[in-house]
Amino acid sequence: MKKEVPNNYRENPIKWYMEKLSGMDAEEISNRCSLERDGDTLYFTILGSSYKVQIPSFEFTLLSADKPDIMQDQAAQILILSFLTESSYAAPAGRFVSFREYPSGELYYKAFEGRCLKRLAFSYGTKLDAFRADCLAIGAKEISGGDAAYEIVFMPGLTIRIILWGPDEEFPPAAQILFSDNFPFSFSAEGVAGIGDIVISALKRIRKS
């Protein structure tokens, strides 16, 4: 399982991860993270946008010009740096888990609820048609659940399910995000608490592109 990130990275996480990356080998990262490699260049895809990244400089280039540039978000850069420096890839076993079921999920649940679930519900809870359109535009697959639900490939082999409920007479809009059961091998609970920022920003950006 992925280890929790120590506290001394908090002031400047990108610098902290870059220092770790500086001593790493592209072939080792490729094998551990199951990424394609060409010399010191690795290839990865996030939310359907494909990139190449130089190791150890972390210079990345968007390869799919028709897709949004997910990596312009600092949260996405931190997430990918953590993946390259600390993670391993494991195949999913077929289950989906909530954040509360995640290792250390209870510890970071308030942050996840605010940054992900409440933001998603606030952004789309009364705009279900826009939610459906944006999910389809980013390549999501419609599934059953809630008032609207979609399955999104976050990275190859790492899948999330987003479920949305609109408001009714008793309750405000609500949202749930479920993760394929191999996520804990790739991202810590603290890292995944920011995943909603990346996904929601990508959904909104696709409409403007």
C-alpha atoms as a PDB file:
ATOM      1  CA  MET A   1       0.000   0.000   0.000  1.00  0.00           C
ATOM      2  CA  LYS A   2       1.088   3.580  -0.590  1.00  0.00           C
ATOM      3  CA  LYS A   3       2.722   5.219   2.415  1.00  0.00           C
ATOM      4  CA  GLU A   4       1.492   8.474   3.870  1.00  0.00           C
ATOM      5  CA  VAL A   5       3.494  11.532   2.834  1.00  0.00           C
ATOM      6  CA  PRO A   6       5.602  12.842   5.745  1.00  0.00           C
ATOM      7  CA  ASN A   7       4.951  16.278   7.197  1.00  0.00           C
ATOM      8  CA  ASN A   8       8.147  17.937   5.971  1.00  0.00           C
ATOM      9  CA  TYR A   9       6.823  18.196   2.404  1.00  0.00           C
ATOM     10  CA  ARG A  10       3.967  20.565   3.259  1.00  0.00           C
ATOM     11  CA  GLU A  11       5.637  23.951   2.730  1.00  0.00           C
ATOM     12  CA  ASN A  12       6.608  23.204  -0.884  1.00  0.00           C
ATOM     13  CA  PRO A  13       5.404  19.778  -2.028  1.00  0.00           C
ATOM     14  CA  ILE A  14       6.578  20.195  -5.641  1.00  0.00           C
ATOM     15  CA  LYS A  15      10.121  21.016  -4.521  1.00  0.00           C
ATOM     16  CA  TRP A  16      10.033  18.134  -2.033  1.00  0.00           C
ATOM     17  CA  TYR A  17       8.990  15.619  -4.685  1.00  0.00           C
ATOM     18  CA  MET A  18      11.396  17.064  -7.251  1.00  0.00           C
ATOM     19  CA  GLU A  19      14.283  16.458  -4.875  1.00  0.00           C
ATOM     20  CA  LYS A  20      13.180  12.837  -4.549  1.00  0.00           C
ATOM     21  CA  LEU A  21      12.791  12.510  -8.317  1.00  0.00           C
ATOM     22  CA  SER A  22      16.296  13.880  -8.971  1.00  0.00           C
ATOM     23  CA  GLY A  23      17.901  10.679  -7.747  1.00  0.00           C
ATOM     24  CA  MET A  24      15.586   8.279  -9.560  1.00  0.00           C
ATOM     25  CA  ASP A  25      15.955   6.204 -12.695  1.00  0.00           C
ATOM     26  CA  ALA A  26      13.366   6.316 -15.488  1.00  0.00           C
ATOM     27  CA  GLU A  27      13.502   2.561 -16.052  1.00  0.00           C
ATOM     28  CA  GLU A  28      12.814   1.831 -12.381  1.00  0.00           C
ATOM     29  CA  ILE A  29       9.872   4.252 -12.361  1.00  0.00           C
ATOM     30  CA  SER A  30       8.538   2.739 -15.575  1.00  0.00           C
ATOM     31  CA  ASN A  31       8.608  -0.780 -14.154  1.00  0.00           C
ATOM     32  CA  ARG A  32       7.138   0.197 -10.784  1.00  0.00           C
ATOM     33  CA  CYS A  33       4.357   2.389 -12.158  1.00  0.00           C
ATOM     34  CA  SER A  34       3.655   0.374 -15.332  1.00  0.00           C
ATOM     35  CA  LEU A  35       4.390   3.318 -17.659  1.00  0.00           C
ATOM     36  CA  GLU A  36       5.692   3.267 -21.219  1.00  0.00           C
ATOM     37  CA  ARG A  37       9.285   4.475 -21.529  1.00  0.00           C
ATOM     38  CA  ASP A  38      11.637   5.707 -24.234  1.00  0.00           C
ATOM     39  CA  GLY A  39      15.030   6.333 -22.655  1.00  0.00           C
ATOM     40  CA  ASP A  40      14.527   9.001 -19.994  1.00  0.00           C
ATOM     41  CA  THR A  41      11.058   9.859 -21.271  1.00  0.00           C
ATOM     42  CA  LEU A  42       7.964   8.367 -19.640  1.00  0.00           C
ATOM     43  CA  TYR A  43       4.417   8.443 -20.980  1.00  0.00           C
ATOM     44  CA  PHE A  44       1.273   8.749 -18.879  1.00  0.00           C
ATOM     45  CA  THR A  45      -2.399   9.614 -19.313  1.00  0.00           C
ATOM     46  CA  ILE A  46      -4.615  11.465 -16.847  1.00  0.00           C
ATOM     47  CA  LEU A  47      -8.342  11.967 -17.497  1.00  0.00           C
ATOM     48  CA  GLY A  48      -7.818  11.107 -21.152  1.00  0.00           C
ATOM     49  CA  SER A  49      -5.043  13.669 -21.713  1.00  0.00           C
ATOM     50  CA  SER A  50      -1.754  12.046 -22.722  1.00  0.00           C
ATOM     51  CA  TYR A  51       1.670  13.391 -21.769  1.00  0.00           C
ATOM     52  CA  LYS A  52       5.338  12.686 -22.018  1.00  0.00           C
ATOM     53  CA  VAL A  53       7.584  13.616 -19.112  1.00  0.00           C
ATOM     54  CA  GLN A  54      11.359  13.834 -18.883  1.00  0.00           C
ATOM     55  CA  ILE A  55      13.045  12.199 -15.905  1.00  0.00           C
ATOM     56  CA  PRO A  56      14.398  13.618 -13.648  1.00  0.00           C
ATOM     57  CA  SER A  57      13.636  17.191 -14.809  1.00  0.00           C
ATOM     58  CA  PHE A  58       9.838  16.638 -14.774  1.00  0.00           C
ATOM     59  CA  GLU A  59       9.450  18.622 -17.991  1.00  0.00           C
ATOM     60  CA  PHE A  60       6.108  17.458 -19.359  1.00  0.00           C
ATOM     61  CA  THR A  61       4.438  17.949 -22.742  1.00  0.00           C
ATOM     62  CA  LEU A  62       0.778  17.490 -23.634  1.00  0.00           C
ATOM     63  CA  LEU A  63       0.553  15.053 -26.555  1.00  0.00           C
ATOM     64  CA  SER A  64      -3.208  15.126 -27.182  1.00  0.00           C
ATOM     65  CA  ALA A  65      -3.896  18.606 -28.560  1.00  0.00           C
ATOM     66  CA  ASP A  66      -7.651  17.993 -28.614  1.00  0.00           C
ATOM     67  CA  LYS A  67      -7.752  17.326 -24.855  1.00  0.00           C
ATOM     68  CA  PRO A  68      -7.640  19.749 -21.890  1.00  0.00           C
ATOM     69  CA  ASP A  69      -4.255  20.388 -20.294  1.00  0.00           C
ATOM     70  CA  ILE A  70      -4.903  18.746 -16.924  1.00  0.00           C
ATOM     71  CA  MET A  71      -1.303  19.327 -15.818  1.00  0.00           C
ATOM     72  CA  GLN A  72      -1.680  23.091 -15.730  1.00  0.00           C
ATOM     73  CA  ASP A  73      -3.218  22.538 -12.286  1.00  0.00           C
ATOM     74  CA  GLN A  74      -0.646  22.410  -9.487  1.00  0.00           C
ATOM     75  CA  ALA A  75      -2.723  19.743  -7.736  1.00  0.00           C
ATOM     76  CA  ALA A  76      -2.300  17.472 -10.763  1.00  0.00           C
ATOM     77  CA  GLN A  77       1.454  18.095 -10.836  1.00  0.00           C
ATOM     78  CA  ILE A  78       1.769  17.151  -7.161  1.00  0.00           C
ATOM     79  CA  LEU A  79      -0.341  14.043  -7.683  1.00  0.00           C
ATOM     80  CA  ILE A  80       1.740  12.844 -10.652  1.00  0.00           C
ATOM     81  CA  LEU A  81       4.998  13.599  -8.819  1.00  0.00           C
ATOM     82  CA  SER A  82       3.824  11.515  -5.883  1.00  0.00           C
ATOM     83  CA  PHE A  83       2.874   8.728  -8.296  1.00  0.00           C
ATOM     84  CA  LEU A  84       6.292   8.747  -9.992  1.00  0.00           C
ATOM     85  CA  THR A  85       8.326   8.918  -6.787  1.00  0.00           C
ATOM     86  CA  GLU A  86       6.396   6.739  -4.351  1.00  0.00           C
ATOM     87  CA  SER A  87       3.762   4.610  -6.025  1.00  0.00           C
ATOM     88  CA  SER A  88       3.412   1.223  -7.596  1.00  0.00           C
ATOM     89  CA  TYR A  89       0.666   0.047  -9.916  1.00  0.00           C
ATOM     90  CA  ALA A  90      -1.532  -2.905  -9.010  1.00  0.00           C
ATOM     91  CA  ALA A  91      -4.376  -4.293 -11.106  1.00  0.00           C
ATOM     92  CA  PRO A  92      -7.890  -3.695  -9.722  1.00  0.00           C
ATOM     93  CA  ALA A  93      -9.761  -6.596  -8.134  1.00  0.00           C
ATOM     94  CA  GLY A  94     -13.148  -5.323  -9.288  1.00  0.00           C
ATOM     95  CA  ARG A  95     -14.451  -3.525  -6.181  1.00  0.00           C
ATOM     96  CA  PHE A  96     -15.064   0.178  -5.634  1.00  0.00           C
ATOM     97  CA  VAL A  97     -14.539   1.776  -2.237  1.00  0.00           C
ATOM     98  CA  SER A  98     -15.599   5.037  -0.636  1.00  0.00           C
ATOM     99  CA  PHE A  99     -13.095   7.454   0.836  1.00  0.00           C
ATOM    100  CA  ARG A 100     -14.082   6.379   4.338  1.00  0.00           C
ATOM    101  CA  GLU A 101     -12.993   2.827   3.478  1.00  0.00           C
ATOM    102  CA  TYR A 102      -9.629   4.103   2.247  1.00  0.00           C
ATOM    103  CA  PRO A 103      -6.576   3.559   4.503  1.00  0.00           C
ATOM    104  CA  SER A 104      -6.477   6.643   6.781  1.00  0.00           C
ATOM    105  CA  GLY A 105      -9.637   7.865   5.062  1.00  0.00           C
ATOM    106  CA  GLU A 106     -11.295   8.896   8.312  1.00  0.00           C
ATOM    107  CA  LEU A 107      -8.312  11.097   9.141  1.00  0.00           C
ATOM    108  CA  TYR A 108      -8.662  13.132   5.947  1.00  0.00           C
ATOM    109  CA  TYR A 109     -12.404  12.793   5.424  1.00  0.00           C
ATOM    110  CA  LYS A 110     -13.306  16.388   6.319  1.00  0.00           C
ATOM    111  CA  ALA A 111     -10.829  17.686   3.746  1.00  0.00           C
ATOM    112  CA  PHE A 112     -12.145  15.248   1.141  1.00  0.00           C
ATOM    113  CA  GLU A 113     -15.748  16.133   1.911  1.00  0.00           C
ATOM    114  CA  GLY A 114     -15.101  19.852   1.522  1.00  0.00           C
ATOM    115  CA  ARG A 115     -12.760  19.782  -1.467  1.00  0.00           C
ATOM    116  CA  CYS A 116     -14.524  17.024  -3.382  1.00  0.00           C
ATOM    117  CA  LEU A 117     -18.034  16.033  -2.346  1.00  0.00           C
ATOM    118  CA  LYS A 118     -19.409  19.446  -1.372  1.00  0.00           C
ATOM    119  CA  ARG A 119     -17.719  21.192  -4.290  1.00  0.00           C
ATOM    120  CA  LEU A 120     -19.112  18.631  -6.722  1.00  0.00           C
ATOM    121  CA  ALA A 121     -22.612  18.892  -5.232  1.00  0.00           C
ATOM    122  CA  PHE A 122     -22.469  22.709  -5.254  1.00  0.00           C
ATOM    123  CA  SER A 123     -21.126  22.855  -8.825  1.00  0.00           C
ATOM    124  CA  TYR A 124     -23.515  20.377 -10.437  1.00  0.00           C
ATOM    125  CA  GLY A 125     -26.282  19.403  -7.996  1.00  0.00           C
ATOM    126  CA  THR A 126     -28.787  21.740  -9.629  1.00  0.00           C
ATOM    127  CA  LYS A 127     -27.244  21.377 -13.110  1.00  0.00           C
ATOM    128  CA  LEU A 128     -27.577  17.664 -13.819  1.00  0.00           C
ATOM    129  CA  ASP A 129     -27.788  18.162 -17.588  1.00  0.00           C
ATOM    130  CA  ALA A 130     -24.518  20.119 -17.558  1.00  0.00           C
ATOM    131  CA  PHE A 131     -22.963  17.394 -15.398  1.00  0.00           C
ATOM    132  CA  ARG A 132     -24.025  14.711 -17.885  1.00  0.00           C
ATOM    133  CA  ALA A 133     -22.726  16.709 -20.852  1.00  0.00           C
ATOM    134  CA  ASP A 134     -19.377  17.483 -19.216  1.00  0.00           C
ATOM    135  CA  CYS A 135     -18.851  13.878 -18.109  1.00  0.00           C
ATOM    136  CA  LEU A 136     -19.555  12.584 -21.610  1.00  0.00           C
ATOM    137  CA  ALA A 137     -17.266  15.233 -23.106  1.00  0.00           C
ATOM    138  CA  ILE A 138     -14.376  14.039 -20.939  1.00  0.00           C
ATOM    139  CA  GLY A 139     -14.962  10.439 -22.001  1.00  0.00           C
ATOM    140  CA  ALA A 140     -16.889   9.154 -18.978  1.00  0.00           C
ATOM    141  CA  LYS A 141     -19.282   6.206 -19.183  1.00  0.00           C
ATOM    142  CA  GLU A 142     -22.790   6.518 -17.777  1.00  0.00           C
ATOM    143  CA  ILE A 143     -23.645   4.017 -15.028  1.00  0.00           C
ATOM    144  CA  SER A 144     -26.638   3.484 -12.751  1.00  0.00           C
ATOM    145  CA  GLY A 145     -26.850   5.319  -9.444  1.00  0.00           C
ATOM    146  CA  GLY A 146     -28.219   8.497  -7.884  1.00  0.00           C
ATOM    147  CA  ASP A 147     -29.839  11.006 -10.223  1.00  0.00           C
ATOM    148  CA  ALA A 148     -26.773  10.912 -12.483  1.00  0.00           C
ATOM    149  CA  ALA A 149     -23.673   8.736 -12.256  1.00  0.00           C
ATOM    150  CA  TYR A 150     -20.580   8.267 -14.404  1.00  0.00           C
ATOM    151  CA  GLU A 151     -17.443   6.149 -14.418  1.00  0.00           C
ATOM    152  CA  ILE A 152     -14.251   7.989 -15.313  1.00  0.00           C
ATOM    153  CA  VAL A 153     -10.829   6.529 -16.062  1.00  0.00           C
ATOM    154  CA  PHE A 154      -8.606   8.761 -13.945  1.00  0.00           C
ATOM    155  CA  MET A 155      -5.435   7.034 -15.134  1.00  0.00           C
ATOM    156  CA  PRO A 156      -5.255   3.729 -17.043  1.00  0.00           C
ATOM    157  CA  GLY A 157      -6.396   1.016 -14.637  1.00  0.00           C
ATOM    158  CA  LEU A 158      -7.433   3.570 -11.988  1.00  0.00           C
ATOM    159  CA  THR A 159     -11.153   4.303 -12.221  1.00  0.00           C
ATOM    160  CA  ILE A 160     -13.481   6.523 -10.231  1.00  0.00           C
ATOM    161  CA  ARG A 161     -17.258   6.623 -10.053  1.00  0.00           C
ATOM    162  CA  ILE A 162     -19.028   9.946  -9.496  1.00  0.00           C
ATOM    163  CA  ILE A 163     -22.619   9.832  -8.258  1.00  0.00           C
ATOM    164  CA  LEU A 164     -24.800  12.929  -7.954  1.00  0.00           C
ATOM    165  CA  TRP A 165     -28.178  13.545  -6.321  1.00  0.00           C
ATOM    166  CA  GLY A 166     -30.143  16.682  -7.026  1.00  0.00           C
ATOM    167  CA  PRO A 167     -31.984  18.569  -4.265  1.00  0.00           C
ATOM    168  CA  ASP A 168     -35.465  17.682  -3.075  1.00  0.00           C
ATOM    169  CA  GLU A 169     -37.859  19.115  -0.518  1.00  0.00           C
ATOM    170  CA  GLU A 170     -35.876  17.692   2.405  1.00  0.00           C
ATOM    171  CA  PHE A 171     -32.257  17.477   1.326  1.00  0.00           C
ATOM    172  CA  PRO A 172     -29.736  19.657  -0.542  1.00  0.00           C
ATOM    173  CA  PRO A 173     -27.701  18.291  -3.470  1.00  0.00           C
ATOM    174  CA  ALA A 174     -25.270  15.510  -2.549  1.00  0.00           C
ATOM    175  CA  ALA A 175     -22.401  13.673  -4.211  1.00  0.00           C
ATOM    176  CA  GLN A 176     -20.334  10.539  -3.734  1.00  0.00           C
ATOM    177  CA  ILE A 177     -17.036   9.475  -5.277  1.00  0.00           C
ATOM    178  CA  LEU A 178     -15.952   5.844  -5.309  1.00  0.00           C
ATOM    179  CA  PHE A 179     -12.489   4.570  -6.176  1.00  0.00           C
ATOM    180  CA  SER A 180     -11.385   1.324  -7.786  1.00  0.00           C
ATOM    181  CA  ASP A 181      -9.833  -0.859  -5.108  1.00  0.00           C
ATOM    182  CA  ASN A 182      -6.276  -0.489  -6.451  1.00  0.00           C
ATOM    183  CA  PHE A 183      -6.097   3.278  -5.742  1.00  0.00           C
ATOM    184  CA  PRO A 184      -4.414   2.793  -2.327  1.00  0.00           C
ATOM    185  CA  PHE A 185      -1.363   1.291  -4.056  1.00  0.00           C
ATOM    186  CA  SER A 186      -0.926   4.470  -6.088  1.00  0.00           C
ATOM    187  CA  PHE A 187      -2.144   7.388  -3.961  1.00  0.00           C
ATOM    188  CA  SER A 188      -2.326   8.133  -0.252  1.00  0.00           C
ATOM    189  CA  ALA A 189      -5.557   9.269   1.354  1.00  0.00           C
ATOM    190  CA  GLU A 190      -4.127  12.781   1.615  1.00  0.00           C
ATOM    191  CA  GLY A 191      -3.323  12.757  -2.085  1.00  0.00           C
ATOM    192  CA  VAL A 192      -6.744  11.435  -3.070  1.00  0.00           C
ATOM    193  CA  ALA A 193      -8.407  14.165  -0.980  1.00  0.00           C
ATOM    194  CA  GLY A 194      -7.340  16.556  -3.742  1.00  0.00           C
ATOM    195  CA  ILE A 195      -8.495  14.409  -6.618  1.00  0.00           C
ATOM    196  CA  GLY A 196     -11.892  16.084  -6.741  1.00  0.00           C
ATOM    197  CA  ASP A 197     -10.208  19.422  -7.449  1.00  0.00           C
ATOM    198  CA  ILE A 198      -8.548  17.893 -10.497  1.00  0.00           C
ATOM    199  CA  VAL A 199     -11.648  16.106 -11.778  1.00  0.00           C
ATOM    200  CA  ILE A 200     -14.096  18.974 -11.217  1.00  0.00           C
ATOM    201  CA  SER A 201     -11.701  21.513 -12.749  1.00  0.00           C
ATOM    202  CA  ALA A 202     -11.268  19.232 -15.771  1.00  0.00           C
ATOM    203  CA  LEU A 203     -15.031  18.851 -16.172  1.00  0.00           C
ATOM    204  CA  LYS A 204     -15.524  22.625 -16.100  1.00  0.00           C
ATOM    205  CA  ARG A 205     -12.598  23.255 -18.437  1.00  0.00           C
ATOM    206  CA  ILE A 206     -13.889  20.833 -21.070  1.00  0.00           C
ATOM    207  CA  ARG A 207     -16.998  23.001 -21.498  1.00  0.00           C
ATOM    208  CA  LYS A 208     -14.896  26.092 -22.188  1.00  0.00           C
ATOM    209  CA  SER A 209     -12.553  24.385 -24.677  1.00  0.00           C
END
